[in-house]
Amino acid sequence: MIYVSRKEHFNAAHKLYNPKWTKEKNVEVFGPCANENWHGHNFDLIVTVKGIPDPESGFVVDLKKLSTLIRNEVIEKLDHKNLNTDVDFMKDKLASCENLIVEIWKILNSHLPSITSRGKLHCIRLYETPRNYVEYYGE
Protein backbone atom coordinates (compact mmCIF):
# COMPACT_ATOMS: atom_id res chain seq x y z
CA MET A 1 0.00 0.00 0.00
CA ILE A 2 1.28 3.44 -0.95
CA TYR A 3 0.32 6.60 0.97
CA VAL A 4 0.36 9.89 -0.96
CA SER A 5 -0.13 13.22 0.84
CA ARG A 6 -0.86 16.78 -0.22
CA LYS A 7 -0.51 19.80 2.06
CA GLU A 8 -2.67 22.90 1.59
CA HIS A 9 -3.02 26.07 3.66
CA PHE A 10 -5.82 28.44 4.66
CA ASN A 11 -6.48 31.24 7.13
CA ALA A 12 -9.71 31.40 9.08
CA ALA A 13 -11.28 32.90 12.18
CA HIS A 14 -13.56 31.24 14.69
CA LYS A 15 -14.83 31.32 18.22
CA LEU A 16 -15.35 28.35 20.49
CA TYR A 17 -18.62 29.04 22.22
CA ASN A 18 -21.48 26.78 23.25
CA PRO A 19 -24.72 28.83 23.20
CA LYS A 20 -26.29 26.46 25.74
CA TRP A 21 -23.74 27.57 28.34
CA THR A 22 -23.28 30.81 30.22
CA LYS A 23 -20.57 33.22 29.16
CA GLU A 24 -18.66 32.27 32.33
CA LYS A 25 -18.81 28.54 31.56
CA ASN A 26 -17.64 29.17 27.98
CA VAL A 27 -14.65 31.17 29.24
CA GLU A 28 -13.92 28.49 31.84
CA VAL A 29 -13.89 25.71 29.23
CA PHE A 30 -12.55 27.50 26.14
CA GLY A 31 -10.48 30.31 27.68
CA PRO A 32 -9.38 32.99 25.20
CA CYS A 33 -10.80 30.88 22.34
CA ALA A 34 -14.26 32.04 23.50
CA ASN A 35 -13.31 35.65 22.73
CA GLU A 36 -16.44 37.52 21.64
CA ASN A 37 -14.45 39.18 18.86
CA TRP A 38 -13.17 35.89 17.41
CA HIS A 39 -9.58 34.80 16.85
CA GLY A 40 -7.75 33.41 13.84
CA HIS A 41 -5.38 30.67 12.78
CA ASN A 42 -3.07 29.84 9.91
CA PHE A 43 -4.27 26.30 9.22
CA ASP A 44 -2.37 23.57 7.39
CA LEU A 45 -4.37 20.69 5.96
CA ILE A 46 -2.67 17.44 4.98
CA VAL A 47 -4.74 14.97 2.99
CA THR A 48 -3.44 11.40 2.60
CA VAL A 49 -4.74 9.00 -0.04
CA LYS A 50 -3.82 5.31 0.00
CA GLY A 51 -3.82 2.77 -2.80
CA ILE A 52 -1.91 0.73 -5.34
CA PRO A 53 -0.30 2.75 -8.13
CA ASP A 54 -1.76 2.59 -11.60
CA PRO A 55 0.62 0.49 -13.73
CA GLU A 56 0.52 2.97 -16.62
CA SER A 57 0.92 6.29 -14.77
CA GLY A 58 2.61 5.05 -11.59
CA PHE A 59 0.15 7.19 -9.59
CA VAL A 60 -2.22 6.32 -6.78
CA VAL A 61 -3.68 9.77 -7.38
CA ASP A 62 -2.52 12.65 -9.56
CA LEU A 63 -1.34 15.22 -7.00
CA LYS A 64 -2.29 18.12 -9.30
CA LYS A 65 -5.86 16.83 -9.40
CA LEU A 66 -5.86 16.22 -5.65
CA SER A 67 -4.64 19.76 -5.01
CA THR A 68 -7.33 21.19 -7.31
CA LEU A 69 -10.01 19.11 -5.58
CA ILE A 70 -8.90 20.23 -2.11
CA ARG A 71 -8.69 23.88 -3.16
CA ASN A 72 -12.04 23.92 -5.00
CA GLU A 73 -14.11 21.93 -2.52
CA VAL A 74 -12.52 22.92 0.80
CA ILE A 75 -9.96 25.74 0.80
CA GLU A 76 -12.08 28.21 -1.21
CA LYS A 77 -14.92 27.70 1.27
CA LEU A 78 -12.69 28.21 4.32
CA ASP A 79 -9.89 30.63 3.41
CA HIS A 80 -10.26 34.08 4.97
CA LYS A 81 -13.66 33.11 6.34
CA ASN A 82 -15.26 33.00 9.76
CA LEU A 83 -15.93 29.31 10.47
CA ASN A 84 -18.87 30.17 12.73
CA THR A 85 -20.74 32.44 10.33
CA ASP A 86 -19.45 32.08 6.74
CA VAL A 87 -19.08 28.35 6.14
CA ASP A 88 -22.26 26.52 5.15
CA PHE A 89 -21.09 23.06 6.19
CA MET A 90 -20.27 24.32 9.71
CA LYS A 91 -23.76 25.80 10.26
CA ASP A 92 -25.13 24.85 13.69
CA LYS A 93 -21.86 23.12 14.66
CA LEU A 94 -19.32 24.17 17.27
CA ALA A 95 -16.37 25.44 15.23
CA SER A 96 -13.78 23.13 16.81
CA CYS A 97 -11.04 21.54 14.74
CA GLU A 98 -12.54 18.17 15.61
CA ASN A 99 -15.87 19.07 14.01
CA LEU A 100 -14.21 20.84 11.10
CA ILE A 101 -12.06 17.87 10.13
CA VAL A 102 -15.05 15.51 10.07
CA GLU A 103 -16.86 17.85 7.68
CA ILE A 104 -13.76 18.18 5.47
CA TRP A 105 -13.52 14.37 5.36
CA LYS A 106 -17.13 14.07 4.19
CA ILE A 107 -16.55 16.53 1.38
CA LEU A 108 -13.28 15.03 0.15
CA ASN A 109 -14.42 11.43 0.51
CA SER A 110 -17.47 12.09 -1.65
CA HIS A 111 -15.42 13.79 -4.41
CA LEU A 112 -12.27 11.63 -4.44
CA PRO A 113 -13.70 8.98 -6.82
CA SER A 114 -13.96 11.68 -9.50
CA ILE A 115 -10.14 11.94 -9.66
CA THR A 116 -8.92 8.40 -8.84
CA SER A 117 -10.20 4.88 -9.17
CA ARG A 118 -7.21 3.43 -7.32
CA GLY A 119 -7.02 5.60 -4.22
CA LYS A 120 -9.09 5.90 -1.07
CA LEU A 121 -9.01 8.62 1.54
CA HIS A 122 -6.77 7.37 4.36
CA CYS A 123 -6.24 10.28 6.74
CA ILE A 124 -6.65 14.01 7.14
CA ARG A 125 -4.48 16.04 9.48
CA LEU A 126 -5.44 19.62 10.31
CA TYR A 127 -2.90 21.86 12.05
CA GLU A 128 -4.46 24.75 13.94
CA THR A 129 -1.03 25.86 15.17
CA PRO A 130 2.44 24.37 14.59
CA ARG A 131 1.99 22.41 17.84
CA ASN A 132 -1.75 21.59 17.81
CA TYR A 133 -3.41 19.35 15.27
CA VAL A 134 -6.23 16.88 14.86
CA GLU A 135 -6.15 13.75 12.76
CA TYR A 136 -9.10 11.81 11.33
CA TYR A 137 -9.32 8.43 9.62
CA GLY A 138 -13.02 8.46 8.82
CA GLU A 139 -14.00 6.30 11.75
C-alpha atoms as a PDB file:
ATOM      1  CA  MET A   1       0.000   0.000   0.000  1.00  0.00           C
ATOM      2  CA  ILE A   2       1.279   3.445  -0.955  1.00  0.00           C
ATOM      3  CA  TYR A   3       0.319   6.600   0.970  1.00  0.00           C
ATOM      4  CA  VAL A   4       0.358   9.893  -0.958  1.00  0.00           C
ATOM      5  CA  SER A   5      -0.130  13.224   0.845  1.00  0.00           C
ATOM      6  CA  ARG A   6      -0.859  16.778  -0.221  1.00  0.00           C
ATOM      7  CA  LYS A   7      -0.509  19.805   2.056  1.00  0.00           C
ATOM      8  CA  GLU A   8      -2.671  22.899   1.592  1.00  0.00           C
ATOM      9  CA  HIS A   9      -3.024  26.073   3.661  1.00  0.00           C
ATOM     10  CA  PHE A  10      -5.815  28.442   4.658  1.00  0.00           C
ATOM     11  CA  ASN A  11      -6.477  31.245   7.134  1.00  0.00           C
ATOM     12  CA  ALA A  12      -9.713  31.404   9.076  1.00  0.00           C
ATOM     13  CA  ALA A  13     -11.280  32.904  12.181  1.00  0.00           C
ATOM     14  CA  HIS A  14     -13.559  31.243  14.688  1.00  0.00           C
ATOM     15  CA  LYS A  15     -14.835  31.321  18.221  1.00  0.00           C
ATOM     16  CA  LEU A  16     -15.348  28.349  20.490  1.00  0.00           C
ATOM     17  CA  TYR A  17     -18.620  29.038  22.217  1.00  0.00           C
ATOM     18  CA  ASN A  18     -21.483  26.782  23.246  1.00  0.00           C
ATOM     19  CA  PRO A  19     -24.718  28.830  23.203  1.00  0.00           C
ATOM     20  CA  LYS A  20     -26.287  26.459  25.744  1.00  0.00           C
ATOM     21  CA  TRP A  21     -23.736  27.566  28.343  1.00  0.00           C
ATOM     22  CA  THR A  22     -23.283  30.813  30.215  1.00  0.00           C
ATOM     23  CA  LYS A  23     -20.570  33.223  29.156  1.00  0.00           C
ATOM     24  CA  GLU A  24     -18.663  32.274  32.326  1.00  0.00           C
ATOM     25  CA  LYS A  25     -18.806  28.540  31.557  1.00  0.00           C
ATOM     26  CA  ASN A  26     -17.639  29.172  27.977  1.00  0.00           C
ATOM     27  CA  VAL A  27     -14.654  31.170  29.244  1.00  0.00           C
ATOM     28  CA  GLU A  28     -13.916  28.493  31.841  1.00  0.00           C
ATOM     29  CA  VAL A  29     -13.887  25.708  29.228  1.00  0.00           C
ATOM     30  CA  PHE A  30     -12.549  27.503  26.136  1.00  0.00           C
ATOM     31  CA  GLY A  31     -10.479  30.309  27.680  1.00  0.00           C
ATOM     32  CA  PRO A  32      -9.383  32.985  25.197  1.00  0.00           C
ATOM     33  CA  CYS A  33     -10.797  30.880  22.340  1.00  0.00           C
ATOM     34  CA  ALA A  34     -14.256  32.035  23.503  1.00  0.00           C
ATOM     35  CA  ASN A  35     -13.306  35.652  22.729  1.00  0.00           C
ATOM     36  CA  GLU A  36     -16.442  37.524  21.644  1.00  0.00           C
ATOM     37  CA  ASN A  37     -14.448  39.180  18.863  1.00  0.00           C
ATOM     38  CA  TRP A  38     -13.171  35.891  17.412  1.00  0.00           C
ATOM     39  CA  HIS A  39      -9.579  34.797  16.854  1.00  0.00           C
ATOM     40  CA  GLY A  40      -7.750  33.407  13.842  1.00  0.00           C
ATOM     41  CA  HIS A  41      -5.376  30.668  12.779  1.00  0.00           C
ATOM     42  CA  ASN A  42      -3.073  29.838   9.907  1.00  0.00           C
ATOM     43  CA  PHE A  43      -4.275  26.298   9.222  1.00  0.00           C
ATOM     44  CA  ASP A  44      -2.372  23.573   7.389  1.00  0.00           C
ATOM     45  CA  LEU A  45      -4.373  20.693   5.958  1.00  0.00           C
ATOM     46  CA  ILE A  46      -2.667  17.439   4.979  1.00  0.00           C
ATOM     47  CA  VAL A  47      -4.736  14.965   2.986  1.00  0.00           C
ATOM     48  CA  THR A  48      -3.441  11.402   2.596  1.00  0.00           C
ATOM     49  CA  VAL A  49      -4.743   9.002  -0.042  1.00  0.00           C
ATOM     50  CA  LYS A  50      -3.815   5.306  -0.002  1.00  0.00           C
ATOM     51  CA  GLY A  51      -3.819   2.766  -2.795  1.00  0.00           C
ATOM     52  CA  ILE A  52      -1.912   0.727  -5.336  1.00  0.00           C
ATOM     53  CA  PRO A  53      -0.298   2.749  -8.126  1.00  0.00           C
ATOM     54  CA  ASP A  54      -1.763   2.589 -11.599  1.00  0.00           C
ATOM     55  CA  PRO A  55       0.618   0.489 -13.725  1.00  0.00           C
ATOM     56  CA  GLU A  56       0.518   2.966 -16.621  1.00  0.00           C
ATOM     57  CA  SER A  57       0.923   6.292 -14.767  1.00  0.00           C
ATOM     58  CA  GLY A  58       2.608   5.047 -11.590  1.00  0.00           C
ATOM     59  CA  PHE A  59       0.150   7.192  -9.589  1.00  0.00           C
ATOM     60  CA  VAL A  60      -2.219   6.325  -6.779  1.00  0.00           C
ATOM     61  CA  VAL A  61      -3.680   9.768  -7.383  1.00  0.00           C
ATOM     62  CA  ASP A  62      -2.520  12.646  -9.563  1.00  0.00           C
ATOM     63  CA  LEU A  63      -1.340  15.219  -7.004  1.00  0.00           C
ATOM     64  CA  LYS A  64      -2.292  18.122  -9.295  1.00  0.00           C
ATOM     65  CA  LYS A  65      -5.861  16.832  -9.397  1.00  0.00           C
ATOM     66  CA  LEU A  66      -5.865  16.216  -5.649  1.00  0.00           C
ATOM     67  CA  SER A  67      -4.640  19.761  -5.013  1.00  0.00           C
ATOM     68  CA  THR A  68      -7.332  21.186  -7.306  1.00  0.00           C
ATOM     69  CA  LEU A  69     -10.006  19.114  -5.579  1.00  0.00           C
ATOM     70  CA  ILE A  70      -8.902  20.233  -2.110  1.00  0.00           C
ATOM     71  CA  ARG A  71      -8.694  23.876  -3.157  1.00  0.00           C
ATOM     72  CA  ASN A  72     -12.044  23.924  -5.001  1.00  0.00           C
ATOM     73  CA  GLU A  73     -14.110  21.929  -2.519  1.00  0.00           C
ATOM     74  CA  VAL A  74     -12.518  22.924   0.804  1.00  0.00           C
ATOM     75  CA  ILE A  75      -9.962  25.745   0.801  1.00  0.00           C
ATOM     76  CA  GLU A  76     -12.076  28.207  -1.210  1.00  0.00           C
ATOM     77  CA  LYS A  77     -14.923  27.698   1.270  1.00  0.00           C
ATOM     78  CA  LEU A  78     -12.689  28.215   4.323  1.00  0.00           C
ATOM     79  CA  ASP A  79      -9.894  30.627   3.408  1.00  0.00           C
ATOM     80  CA  HIS A  80     -10.261  34.078   4.972  1.00  0.00           C
ATOM     81  CA  LYS A  81     -13.662  33.115   6.342  1.00  0.00           C
ATOM     82  CA  ASN A  82     -15.264  32.999   9.764  1.00  0.00           C
ATOM     83  CA  LEU A  83     -15.931  29.310  10.470  1.00  0.00           C
ATOM     84  CA  ASN A  84     -18.869  30.169  12.732  1.00  0.00           C
ATOM     85  CA  THR A  85     -20.737  32.438  10.331  1.00  0.00           C
ATOM     86  CA  ASP A  86     -19.448  32.082   6.742  1.00  0.00           C
ATOM     87  CA  VAL A  87     -19.082  28.348   6.144  1.00  0.00           C
ATOM     88  CA  ASP A  88     -22.255  26.520   5.149  1.00  0.00           C
ATOM     89  CA  PHE A  89     -21.087  23.058   6.194  1.00  0.00           C
ATOM     90  CA  MET A  90     -20.273  24.317   9.706  1.00  0.00           C
ATOM     91  CA  LYS A  91     -23.756  25.799  10.261  1.00  0.00           C
ATOM     92  CA  ASP A  92     -25.126  24.848  13.687  1.00  0.00           C
ATOM     93  CA  LYS A  93     -21.860  23.117  14.658  1.00  0.00           C
ATOM     94  CA  LEU A  94     -19.325  24.171  17.268  1.00  0.00           C
ATOM     95  CA  ALA A  95     -16.366  25.439  15.227  1.00  0.00           C
ATOM     96  CA  SER A  96     -13.783  23.133  16.809  1.00  0.00           C
ATOM     97  CA  CYS A  97     -11.038  21.540  14.735  1.00  0.00           C
ATOM     98  CA  GLU A  98     -12.540  18.170  15.614  1.00  0.00           C
ATOM     99  CA  ASN A  99     -15.870  19.067  14.012  1.00  0.00           C
ATOM    100  CA  LEU A 100     -14.212  20.839  11.101  1.00  0.00           C
ATOM    101  CA  ILE A 101     -12.060  17.869  10.131  1.00  0.00           C
ATOM    102  CA  VAL A 102     -15.053  15.510  10.068  1.00  0.00           C
ATOM    103  CA  GLU A 103     -16.856  17.852   7.676  1.00  0.00           C
ATOM    104  CA  ILE A 104     -13.763  18.176   5.466  1.00  0.00           C
ATOM    105  CA  TRP A 105     -13.517  14.366   5.359  1.00  0.00           C
ATOM    106  CA  LYS A 106     -17.133  14.070   4.194  1.00  0.00           C
ATOM    107  CA  ILE A 107     -16.546  16.531   1.377  1.00  0.00           C
ATOM    108  CA  LEU A 108     -13.282  15.026   0.152  1.00  0.00           C
ATOM    109  CA  ASN A 109     -14.418  11.428   0.512  1.00  0.00           C
ATOM    110  CA  SER A 110     -17.467  12.092  -1.652  1.00  0.00           C
ATOM    111  CA  HIS A 111     -15.420  13.794  -4.411  1.00  0.00           C
ATOM    112  CA  LEU A 112     -12.269  11.634  -4.443  1.00  0.00           C
ATOM    113  CA  PRO A 113     -13.702   8.979  -6.818  1.00  0.00           C
ATOM    114  CA  SER A 114     -13.961  11.683  -9.496  1.00  0.00           C
ATOM    115  CA  ILE A 115     -10.143  11.944  -9.662  1.00  0.00           C
ATOM    116  CA  THR A 116      -8.920   8.405  -8.842  1.00  0.00           C
ATOM    117  CA  SER A 117     -10.199   4.883  -9.167  1.00  0.00           C
ATOM    118  CA  ARG A 118      -7.209   3.432  -7.325  1.00  0.00           C
ATOM    119  CA  GLY A 119      -7.017   5.601  -4.216  1.00  0.00           C
ATOM    120  CA  LYS A 120      -9.091   5.897  -1.073  1.00  0.00           C
ATOM    121  CA  LEU A 121      -9.009   8.621   1.537  1.00  0.00           C
ATOM    122  CA  HIS A 122      -6.769   7.375   4.356  1.00  0.00           C
ATOM    123  CA  CYS A 123      -6.245  10.280   6.744  1.00  0.00           C
ATOM    124  CA  ILE A 124      -6.652  14.007   7.138  1.00  0.00           C
ATOM    125  CA  ARG A 125      -4.483  16.040   9.480  1.00  0.00           C
ATOM    126  CA  LEU A 126      -5.444  19.618  10.313  1.00  0.00           C
ATOM    127  CA  TYR A 127      -2.905  21.858  12.050  1.00  0.00           C
ATOM    128  CA  GLU A 128      -4.457  24.749  13.944  1.00  0.00           C
ATOM    129  CA  THR A 129      -1.029  25.859  15.169  1.00  0.00           C
ATOM    130  CA  PRO A 130       2.435  24.369  14.590  1.00  0.00           C
ATOM    131  CA  ARG A 131       1.985  22.411  17.844  1.00  0.00           C
ATOM    132  CA  ASN A 132      -1.750  21.592  17.812  1.00  0.00           C
ATOM    133  CA  TYR A 133      -3.407  19.348  15.268  1.00  0.00           C
ATOM    134  CA  VAL A 134      -6.228  16.877  14.863  1.00  0.00           C
ATOM    135  CA  GLU A 135      -6.147  13.748  12.763  1.00  0.00           C
ATOM    136  CA  TYR A 136      -9.096  11.812  11.327  1.00  0.00           C
ATOM    137  CA  TYR A 137      -9.325   8.431   9.620  1.00  0.00           C
ATOM    138  CA  GLY A 138     -13.023   8.457   8.824  1.00  0.00           C
ATOM    139  CA  GLU A 139     -14.005   6.299  11.751  1.00  0.00           C
END
